[in-house]
Amino acid sequence: MRFSGFVNFLLLACYVLPATAADWTDAELKAMPPFCEARLKHTPGQYDYWYKTLGEEFVWTNHYCEGIGYLNRSYGAHNQREAKAMLGTH
């Protein structure tokens, strides 16, 4: 039973992951805190600024920013299954 559950998980991951690729649009980035664009797009000048401002922990903000992004995407989902997939991405 465990093996079949794992296989189902892999099949679901193959189905969900391409549809939820983190290609953040400009509109999605504007809905996030200002440091998210620098972190997710690794914008040269902005990245250095936010790294100096927030310190070494800035390298971990991608988890926070992606969480906000996927949460916002779940709000715009077409159905409950798609919303759950967005919430389970990261």
PDB file of N, CA and C in Angstrom:
ATOM      1  N   MET A   1       0.812  -1.188   0.000  1.00  0.00           N
ATOM      2  CA  MET A   1       0.000   0.000   0.000  1.00  0.00           C
ATOM      3  C   MET A   1       0.862   1.261   0.000  1.00  0.00           C
ATOM      4  N   ARG A   2       1.986   1.209   0.719  1.00  0.00           N
ATOM      5  CA  ARG A   2       2.859   2.381   0.755  1.00  0.00           C
ATOM      6  C   ARG A   2       3.430   2.687  -0.619  1.00  0.00           C
ATOM      7  N   PHE A   3       3.816   1.647  -1.341  1.00  0.00           N
ATOM      8  CA  PHE A   3       4.402   1.852  -2.652  1.00  0.00           C
ATOM      9  C   PHE A   3       3.408   2.500  -3.610  1.00  0.00           C
ATOM     10  N   SER A   4       2.169   2.035  -3.588  1.00  0.00           N
ATOM     11  CA  SER A   4       1.167   2.619  -4.485  1.00  0.00           C
ATOM     12  C   SER A   4       0.886   4.073  -4.113  1.00  0.00           C
ATOM     13  N   GLY A   5       0.944   4.388  -2.825  1.00  0.00           N
ATOM     14  CA  GLY A   5       0.772   5.782  -2.409  1.00  0.00           C
ATOM     15  C   GLY A   5       1.905   6.652  -2.924  1.00  0.00           C
ATOM     16  N   PHE A   6       3.110   6.112  -2.893  1.00  0.00           N
ATOM     17  CA  PHE A   6       4.263   6.848  -3.398  1.00  0.00           C
ATOM     18  C   PHE A   6       4.155   7.055  -4.905  1.00  0.00           C
ATOM     19  N   VAL A   7       3.723   6.039  -5.618  1.00  0.00           N
ATOM     20  CA  VAL A   7       3.544   6.147  -7.063  1.00  0.00           C
ATOM     21  C   VAL A   7       2.476   7.193  -7.375  1.00  0.00           C
ATOM     22  N   ASN A   8       1.380   7.174  -6.635  1.00  0.00           N
ATOM     23  CA  ASN A   8       0.342   8.180  -6.841  1.00  0.00           C
ATOM     24  C   ASN A   8       0.887   9.573  -6.594  1.00  0.00           C
ATOM     25  N   PHE A   9       1.707   9.731  -5.557  1.00  0.00           N
ATOM     26  CA  PHE A   9       2.318  11.028  -5.265  1.00  0.00           C
ATOM     27  C   PHE A   9       3.178  11.487  -6.442  1.00  0.00           C
ATOM     28  N   LEU A  10       3.994  10.589  -6.993  1.00  0.00           N
ATOM     29  CA  LEU A  10       4.839  10.963  -8.123  1.00  0.00           C
ATOM     30  C   LEU A  10       4.020  11.348  -9.345  1.00  0.00           C
ATOM     31  N   LEU A  11       2.956  10.604  -9.595  1.00  0.00           N
ATOM     32  CA  LEU A  11       2.098  10.932 -10.733  1.00  0.00           C
ATOM     33  C   LEU A  11       1.433  12.292 -10.546  1.00  0.00           C
ATOM     34  N   LEU A  12       0.969  12.560  -9.342  1.00  0.00           N
ATOM     35  CA  LEU A  12       0.365  13.854  -9.052  1.00  0.00           C
ATOM     36  C   LEU A  12       1.390  14.973  -9.190  1.00  0.00           C
ATOM     37  N   ALA A  13       2.608  14.736  -8.719  1.00  0.00           N
ATOM     38  CA  ALA A  13       3.660  15.742  -8.819  1.00  0.00           C
ATOM     39  C   ALA A  13       3.976  16.046 -10.276  1.00  0.00           C
ATOM     40  N   CYS A  14       4.011  15.025 -11.112  1.00  0.00           N
ATOM     41  CA  CYS A  14       4.267  15.243 -12.538  1.00  0.00           C
ATOM     42  C   CYS A  14       3.144  16.036 -13.186  1.00  0.00           C
ATOM     43  N   TYR A  15       1.942  15.861 -12.704  1.00  0.00           N
ATOM     44  CA  TYR A  15       0.795  16.582 -13.243  1.00  0.00           C
ATOM     45  C   TYR A  15       0.764  18.019 -12.744  1.00  0.00           C
ATOM     46  N   VAL A  16       1.050  18.225 -11.482  1.00  0.00           N
ATOM     47  CA  VAL A  16       0.898  19.539 -10.863  1.00  0.00           C
ATOM     48  C   VAL A  16       2.085  20.453 -11.123  1.00  0.00           C
ATOM     49  N   LEU A  17       3.292  19.960 -11.035  1.00  0.00           N
ATOM     50  CA  LEU A  17       4.472  20.823 -11.093  1.00  0.00           C
ATOM     51  C   LEU A  17       4.587  21.650 -12.363  1.00  0.00           C
ATOM     52  N   PRO A  18       4.390  21.098 -13.551  1.00  0.00           N
ATOM     53  CA  PRO A  18       4.494  21.967 -14.724  1.00  0.00           C
ATOM     54  C   PRO A  18       3.460  23.083 -14.726  1.00  0.00           C
ATOM     55  N   ALA A  19       2.296  22.837 -14.170  1.00  0.00           N
ATOM     56  CA  ALA A  19       1.246  23.847 -14.167  1.00  0.00           C
ATOM     57  C   ALA A  19       1.495  24.928 -13.131  1.00  0.00           C
ATOM     58  N   THR A  20       2.344  24.667 -12.167  1.00  0.00           N
ATOM     59  CA  THR A  20       2.573  25.643 -11.107  1.00  0.00           C
ATOM     60  C   THR A  20       4.011  26.148 -11.096  1.00  0.00           C
ATOM     61  N   ALA A  21       4.663  26.108 -12.241  1.00  0.00           N
ATOM     62  CA  ALA A  21       6.040  26.588 -12.293  1.00  0.00           C
ATOM     63  C   ALA A  21       6.101  28.031 -11.821  1.00  0.00           C
ATOM     64  N   ALA A  22       7.124  28.319 -11.068  1.00  0.00           N
ATOM     65  CA  ALA A  22       7.220  29.625 -10.430  1.00  0.00           C
ATOM     66  C   ALA A  22       7.780  30.683 -11.374  1.00  0.00           C
ATOM     67  N   ASP A  23       7.120  30.891 -12.485  1.00  0.00           N
ATOM     68  CA  ASP A  23       7.438  32.004 -13.365  1.00  0.00           C
ATOM     69  C   ASP A  23       6.559  33.162 -12.922  1.00  0.00           C
ATOM     70  N   TRP A  24       7.063  33.932 -11.986  1.00  0.00           N
ATOM     71  CA  TRP A  24       6.256  34.986 -11.371  1.00  0.00           C
ATOM     72  C   TRP A  24       6.055  36.145 -12.341  1.00  0.00           C
ATOM     73  N   THR A  25       4.814  36.532 -12.519  1.00  0.00           N
ATOM     74  CA  THR A  25       4.499  37.668 -13.372  1.00  0.00           C
ATOM     75  C   THR A  25       4.770  38.963 -12.615  1.00  0.00           C
ATOM     76  N   ASP A  26       4.811  40.067 -13.342  1.00  0.00           N
ATOM     77  CA  ASP A  26       5.014  41.362 -12.691  1.00  0.00           C
ATOM     78  C   ASP A  26       3.883  41.673 -11.717  1.00  0.00           C
ATOM     79  N   ALA A  27       2.655  41.307 -12.093  1.00  0.00           N
ATOM     80  CA  ALA A  27       1.509  41.544 -11.201  1.00  0.00           C
ATOM     81  C   ALA A  27       1.639  40.735  -9.915  1.00  0.00           C
ATOM     82  N   GLU A  28       2.084  39.489 -10.023  1.00  0.00           N
ATOM     83  CA  GLU A  28       2.265  38.655  -8.832  1.00  0.00           C
ATOM     84  C   GLU A  28       3.369  39.210  -7.942  1.00  0.00           C
ATOM     85  N   LEU A  29       4.444  39.691  -8.540  1.00  0.00           N
ATOM     86  CA  LEU A  29       5.545  40.250  -7.769  1.00  0.00           C
ATOM     87  C   LEU A  29       5.135  41.538  -7.054  1.00  0.00           C
ATOM     88  N   LYS A  30       4.268  42.325  -7.673  1.00  0.00           N
ATOM     89  CA  LYS A  30       3.802  43.564  -7.036  1.00  0.00           C
ATOM     90  C   LYS A  30       2.913  43.286  -5.832  1.00  0.00           C
ATOM     91  N   ALA A  31       2.316  42.094  -5.778  1.00  0.00           N
ATOM     92  CA  ALA A  31       1.468  41.722  -4.648  1.00  0.00           C
ATOM     93  C   ALA A  31       2.290  41.188  -3.479  1.00  0.00           C
ATOM     94  N   MET A  32       3.596  41.077  -3.672  1.00  0.00           N
ATOM     95  CA  MET A  32       4.502  40.584  -2.633  1.00  0.00           C
ATOM     96  C   MET A  32       5.266  41.769  -2.031  1.00  0.00           C
ATOM     97  N   PRO A  33       5.915  41.550  -0.883  1.00  0.00           N
ATOM     98  CA  PRO A  33       6.766  42.600  -0.314  1.00  0.00           C
ATOM     99  C   PRO A  33       7.859  43.001  -1.318  1.00  0.00           C
ATOM    100  N   PRO A  34       8.395  44.218  -1.202  1.00  0.00           N
ATOM    101  CA  PRO A  34       9.346  44.716  -2.206  1.00  0.00           C
ATOM    102  C   PRO A  34      10.625  43.888  -2.350  1.00  0.00           C
ATOM    103  N   PHE A  35      11.047  43.220  -1.300  1.00  0.00           N
ATOM    104  CA  PHE A  35      12.287  42.438  -1.408  1.00  0.00           C
ATOM    105  C   PHE A  35      12.102  41.143  -2.192  1.00  0.00           C
ATOM    106  N   CYS A  36      10.863  40.745  -2.414  1.00  0.00           N
ATOM    107  CA  CYS A  36      10.621  39.475  -3.112  1.00  0.00           C
ATOM    108  C   CYS A  36      11.084  39.499  -4.558  1.00  0.00           C
ATOM    109  N   GLU A  37      10.863  40.599  -5.238  1.00  0.00           N
ATOM    110  CA  GLU A  37      11.310  40.674  -6.630  1.00  0.00           C
ATOM    111  C   GLU A  37      12.827  40.530  -6.710  1.00  0.00           C
ATOM    112  N   ALA A  38      13.532  41.209  -5.798  1.00  0.00           N
ATOM    113  CA  ALA A  38      14.989  41.113  -5.772  1.00  0.00           C
ATOM    114  C   ALA A  38      15.436  39.679  -5.497  1.00  0.00           C
ATOM    115  N   ARG A  39      14.724  38.996  -4.609  1.00  0.00           N
ATOM    116  CA  ARG A  39      15.120  37.635  -4.227  1.00  0.00           C
ATOM    117  C   ARG A  39      14.751  36.614  -5.288  1.00  0.00           C
ATOM    118  N   LEU A  40      13.539  36.699  -5.818  1.00  0.00           N
ATOM    119  CA  LEU A  40      13.069  35.685  -6.768  1.00  0.00           C
ATOM    120  C   LEU A  40      13.654  35.870  -8.161  1.00  0.00           C
ATOM    121  N   LYS A  41      13.885  37.106  -8.552  1.00  0.00           N
ATOM    122  CA  LYS A  41      14.468  37.363  -9.869  1.00  0.00           C
ATOM    123  C   LYS A  41      15.971  37.596  -9.792  1.00  0.00           C
ATOM    124  N   HIS A  42      16.493  37.662  -8.576  1.00  0.00           N
ATOM    125  CA  HIS A  42      17.923  37.906  -8.317  1.00  0.00           C
ATOM    126  C   HIS A  42      18.390  39.148  -9.073  1.00  0.00           C
ATOM    127  N   THR A  43      17.626  40.228  -8.930  1.00  0.00           N
ATOM    128  CA  THR A  43      17.942  41.501  -9.567  1.00  0.00           C
ATOM    129  C   THR A  43      19.248  42.037  -8.976  1.00  0.00           C
ATOM    130  N   PRO A  44      20.270  42.270  -9.801  1.00  0.00           N
ATOM    131  CA  PRO A  44      21.605  42.606  -9.294  1.00  0.00           C
ATOM    132  C   PRO A  44      21.667  43.743  -8.269  1.00  0.00           C
ATOM    133  N   GLY A  45      21.278  44.946  -8.591  1.00  0.00           N
ATOM    134  CA  GLY A  45      21.383  46.056  -7.652  1.00  0.00           C
ATOM    135  C   GLY A  45      20.477  45.912  -6.451  1.00  0.00           C
ATOM    136  N   GLN A  46      19.260  45.458  -6.692  1.00  0.00           N
ATOM    137  CA  GLN A  46      18.290  45.302  -5.609  1.00  0.00           C
ATOM    138  C   GLN A  46      18.677  44.161  -4.668  1.00  0.00           C
ATOM    139  N   TYR A  47      19.200  43.094  -5.218  1.00  0.00           N
ATOM    140  CA  TYR A  47      19.581  41.949  -4.387  1.00  0.00           C
ATOM    141  C   TYR A  47      20.606  42.374  -3.335  1.00  0.00           C
ATOM    142  N   ASP A  48      21.617  43.100  -3.775  1.00  0.00           N
ATOM    143  CA  ASP A  48      22.657  43.554  -2.850  1.00  0.00           C
ATOM    144  C   ASP A  48      22.088  44.491  -1.796  1.00  0.00           C
ATOM    145  N   TYR A  49      21.190  45.391  -2.223  1.00  0.00           N
ATOM    146  CA  TYR A  49      20.576  46.328  -1.285  1.00  0.00           C
ATOM    147  C   TYR A  49      19.817  45.582  -0.190  1.00  0.00           C
ATOM    148  N   TRP A  50      18.956  44.641  -0.585  1.00  0.00           N
ATOM    149  CA  TRP A  50      18.151  43.915   0.398  1.00  0.00           C
ATOM    150  C   TRP A  50      18.989  42.966   1.247  1.00  0.00           C
ATOM    151  N   TYR A  51      20.054  42.437   0.673  1.00  0.00           N
ATOM    152  CA  TYR A  51      20.949  41.585   1.455  1.00  0.00           C
ATOM    153  C   TYR A  51      21.594  42.397   2.573  1.00  0.00           C
ATOM    154  N   LYS A  52      22.025  43.613   2.256  1.00  0.00           N
ATOM    155  CA  LYS A  52      22.630  44.486   3.264  1.00  0.00           C
ATOM    156  C   LYS A  52      21.597  44.956   4.279  1.00  0.00           C
ATOM    157  N   THR A  53      20.369  45.175   3.826  1.00  0.00           N
ATOM    158  CA  THR A  53      19.316  45.670   4.708  1.00  0.00           C
ATOM    159  C   THR A  53      18.807  44.595   5.661  1.00  0.00           C
ATOM    160  N   LEU A  54      18.546  43.399   5.135  1.00  0.00           N
ATOM    161  CA  LEU A  54      17.960  42.326   5.945  1.00  0.00           C
ATOM    162  C   LEU A  54      18.999  41.373   6.537  1.00  0.00           C
ATOM    163  N   GLY A  55      20.216  41.438   6.058  1.00  0.00           N
ATOM    164  CA  GLY A  55      21.263  40.578   6.597  1.00  0.00           C
ATOM    165  C   GLY A  55      21.315  39.218   5.911  1.00  0.00           C
ATOM    166  N   GLU A  56      22.066  38.328   6.535  1.00  0.00           N
ATOM    167  CA  GLU A  56      22.291  37.007   5.945  1.00  0.00           C
ATOM    168  C   GLU A  56      21.019  36.186   5.797  1.00  0.00           C
ATOM    169  N   GLU A  57      20.027  36.470   6.590  1.00  0.00           N
ATOM    170  CA  GLU A  57      18.764  35.719   6.512  1.00  0.00           C
ATOM    171  C   GLU A  57      17.987  36.017   5.225  1.00  0.00           C
ATOM    172  N   PHE A  58      18.412  37.029   4.486  1.00  0.00           N
ATOM    173  CA  PHE A  58      17.755  37.369   3.225  1.00  0.00           C
ATOM    174  C   PHE A  58      17.752  36.198   2.253  1.00  0.00           C
ATOM    175  N   VAL A  59      18.775  35.355   2.311  1.00  0.00           N
ATOM    176  CA  VAL A  59      18.852  34.229   1.375  1.00  0.00           C
ATOM    177  C   VAL A  59      17.703  33.251   1.567  1.00  0.00           C
ATOM    178  N   TRP A  60      17.038  33.283   2.731  1.00  0.00           N
ATOM    179  CA  TRP A  60      15.929  32.363   2.996  1.00  0.00           C
ATOM    180  C   TRP A  60      14.572  32.969   2.692  1.00  0.00           C
ATOM    181  N   THR A  61      14.529  34.232   2.298  1.00  0.00           N
ATOM    182  CA  THR A  61      13.232  34.879   2.060  1.00  0.00           C
ATOM    183  C   THR A  61      12.501  34.323   0.856  1.00  0.00           C
ATOM    184  N   ASN A  62      13.206  33.580  -0.008  1.00  0.00           N
ATOM    185  CA  ASN A  62      12.514  32.998  -1.156  1.00  0.00           C
ATOM    186  C   ASN A  62      11.382  32.072  -0.710  1.00  0.00           C
ATOM    187  N   HIS A  63      11.551  31.389   0.420  1.00  0.00           N
ATOM    188  CA  HIS A  63      10.489  30.505   0.914  1.00  0.00           C
ATOM    189  C   HIS A  63       9.258  31.321   1.308  1.00  0.00           C
ATOM    190  N   TYR A  64       9.484  32.419   1.971  1.00  0.00           N
ATOM    191  CA  TYR A  64       8.389  33.316   2.372  1.00  0.00           C
ATOM    192  C   TYR A  64       7.701  33.898   1.134  1.00  0.00           C
ATOM    193  N   CYS A  65       8.505  34.394   0.205  1.00  0.00           N
ATOM    194  CA  CYS A  65       7.956  35.029  -0.996  1.00  0.00           C
ATOM    195  C   CYS A  65       7.189  34.034  -1.865  1.00  0.00           C
ATOM    196  N   GLU A  66       7.740  32.842  -2.050  1.00  0.00           N
ATOM    197  CA  GLU A  66       7.043  31.829  -2.838  1.00  0.00           C
ATOM    198  C   GLU A  66       5.762  31.390  -2.143  1.00  0.00           C
ATOM    199  N   GLY A  67       5.798  31.320  -0.824  1.00  0.00           N
ATOM    200  CA  GLY A  67       4.584  30.983  -0.075  1.00  0.00           C
ATOM    201  C   GLY A  67       3.476  31.994  -0.326  1.00  0.00           C
ATOM    202  N   ILE A  68       3.827  33.272  -0.286  1.00  0.00           N
ATOM    203  CA  ILE A  68       2.843  34.325  -0.574  1.00  0.00           C
ATOM    204  C   ILE A  68       2.346  34.187  -2.010  1.00  0.00           C
ATOM    205  N   GLY A  69       3.270  33.946  -2.931  1.00  0.00           N
ATOM    206  CA  GLY A  69       2.892  33.824  -4.341  1.00  0.00           C
ATOM    207  C   GLY A  69       1.935  32.677  -4.599  1.00  0.00           C
ATOM    208  N   TYR A  70       2.234  31.507  -4.022  1.00  0.00           N
ATOM    209  CA  TYR A  70       1.355  30.355  -4.232  1.00  0.00           C
ATOM    210  C   TYR A  70       0.026  30.528  -3.503  1.00  0.00           C
ATOM    211  N   LEU A  71       0.036  31.191  -2.366  1.00  0.00           N
ATOM    212  CA  LEU A  71      -1.220  31.480  -1.673  1.00  0.00           C
ATOM    213  C   LEU A  71      -2.084  32.389  -2.532  1.00  0.00           C
ATOM    214  N   ASN A  72      -1.482  33.421  -3.099  1.00  0.00           N
ATOM    215  CA  ASN A  72      -2.236  34.319  -3.981  1.00  0.00           C
ATOM    216  C   ASN A  72      -2.739  33.591  -5.223  1.00  0.00           C
ATOM    217  N   ARG A  73      -1.928  32.694  -5.763  1.00  0.00           N
ATOM    218  CA  ARG A  73      -2.376  31.915  -6.922  1.00  0.00           C
ATOM    219  C   ARG A  73      -3.552  31.010  -6.549  1.00  0.00           C
ATOM    220  N   SER A  74      -3.554  30.505  -5.330  1.00  0.00           N
ATOM    221  CA  SER A  74      -4.662  29.628  -4.919  1.00  0.00           C
ATOM    222  C   SER A  74      -5.972  30.404  -4.853  1.00  0.00           C
ATOM    223  N   TYR A  75      -5.897  31.686  -4.511  1.00  0.00           N
ATOM    224  CA  TYR A  75      -7.115  32.511  -4.479  1.00  0.00           C
ATOM    225  C   TYR A  75      -7.729  32.655  -5.866  1.00  0.00           C
ATOM    226  N   GLY A  76      -6.898  32.643  -6.896  1.00  0.00           N
ATOM    227  CA  GLY A  76      -7.400  32.786  -8.257  1.00  0.00           C
ATOM    228  C   GLY A  76      -7.597  31.467  -8.979  1.00  0.00           C
ATOM    229  N   ALA A  77      -7.538  30.366  -8.262  1.00  0.00           N
ATOM    230  CA  ALA A  77      -7.677  29.047  -8.885  1.00  0.00           C
ATOM    231  C   ALA A  77      -9.078  28.855  -9.453  1.00  0.00           C
ATOM    232  N   HIS A  78      -9.156  28.051 -10.485  1.00  0.00           N
ATOM    233  CA  HIS A  78     -10.432  27.794 -11.145  1.00  0.00           C
ATOM    234  C   HIS A  78     -11.305  26.794 -10.391  1.00  0.00           C
ATOM    235  N   ASN A  79     -10.676  25.943  -9.606  1.00  0.00           N
ATOM    236  CA  ASN A  79     -11.432  24.956  -8.841  1.00  0.00           C
ATOM    237  C   ASN A  79     -10.665  24.601  -7.567  1.00  0.00           C
ATOM    238  N   GLN A  80     -11.301  23.831  -6.722  1.00  0.00           N
ATOM    239  CA  GLN A  80     -10.707  23.492  -5.429  1.00  0.00           C
ATOM    240  C   GLN A  80      -9.465  22.611  -5.580  1.00  0.00           C
ATOM    241  N   ARG A  81      -9.468  21.751  -6.551  1.00  0.00           N
ATOM    242  CA  ARG A  81      -8.315  20.870  -6.769  1.00  0.00           C
ATOM    243  C   ARG A  81      -7.078  21.694  -7.143  1.00  0.00           C
ATOM    244  N   GLU A  82      -7.264  22.650  -8.021  1.00  0.00           N
ATOM    245  CA  GLU A  82      -6.165  23.516  -8.423  1.00  0.00           C
ATOM    246  C   GLU A  82      -5.675  24.365  -7.244  1.00  0.00           C
ATOM    247  N   ALA A  83      -6.598  24.837  -6.438  1.00  0.00           N
ATOM    248  CA  ALA A  83      -6.229  25.634  -5.255  1.00  0.00           C
ATOM    249  C   ALA A  83      -5.414  24.791  -4.281  1.00  0.00           C
ATOM    250  N   LYS A  84      -5.835  23.565  -4.050  1.00  0.00           N
ATOM    251  CA  LYS A  84      -5.095  22.680  -3.151  1.00  0.00           C
ATOM    252  C   LYS A  84      -3.712  22.369  -3.704  1.00  0.00           C
ATOM    253  N   ALA A  85      -3.610  22.221  -5.012  1.00  0.00           N
ATOM    254  CA  ALA A  85      -2.314  21.967  -5.632  1.00  0.00           C
ATOM    255  C   ALA A  85      -1.372  23.149  -5.420  1.00  0.00           C
ATOM    256  N   MET A  86      -1.907  24.351  -5.530  1.00  0.00           N
ATOM    257  CA  MET A  86      -1.086  25.542  -5.289  1.00  0.00           C
ATOM    258  C   MET A  86      -0.626  25.604  -3.838  1.00  0.00           C
ATOM    259  N   LEU A  87      -1.465  25.246  -2.941  1.00  0.00           N
ATOM    260  CA  LEU A  87      -1.124  25.326  -1.519  1.00  0.00           C
ATOM    261  C   LEU A  87      -0.165  24.221  -1.107  1.00  0.00           C
ATOM    262  N   GLY A  88      -0.100  23.169  -1.865  1.00  0.00           N
ATOM    263  CA  GLY A  88       0.797  22.067  -1.530  1.00  0.00           C
ATOM    264  C   GLY A  88       2.096  22.080  -2.318  1.00  0.00           C
ATOM    265  N   THR A  89       2.330  23.134  -3.092  1.00  0.00           N
ATOM    266  CA  THR A  89       3.497  23.172  -3.937  1.00  0.00           C
ATOM    267  C   THR A  89       4.779  23.285  -3.144  1.00  0.00           C
ATOM    268  N   HIS A  90       4.801  24.142  -2.123  1.00  0.00           N
ATOM    269  CA  HIS A  90       6.039  24.352  -1.334  1.00  0.00           C
ATOM    270  C   HIS A  90       5.752  24.232   0.113  1.00  0.00           C
TER     271      HIS A  90
END
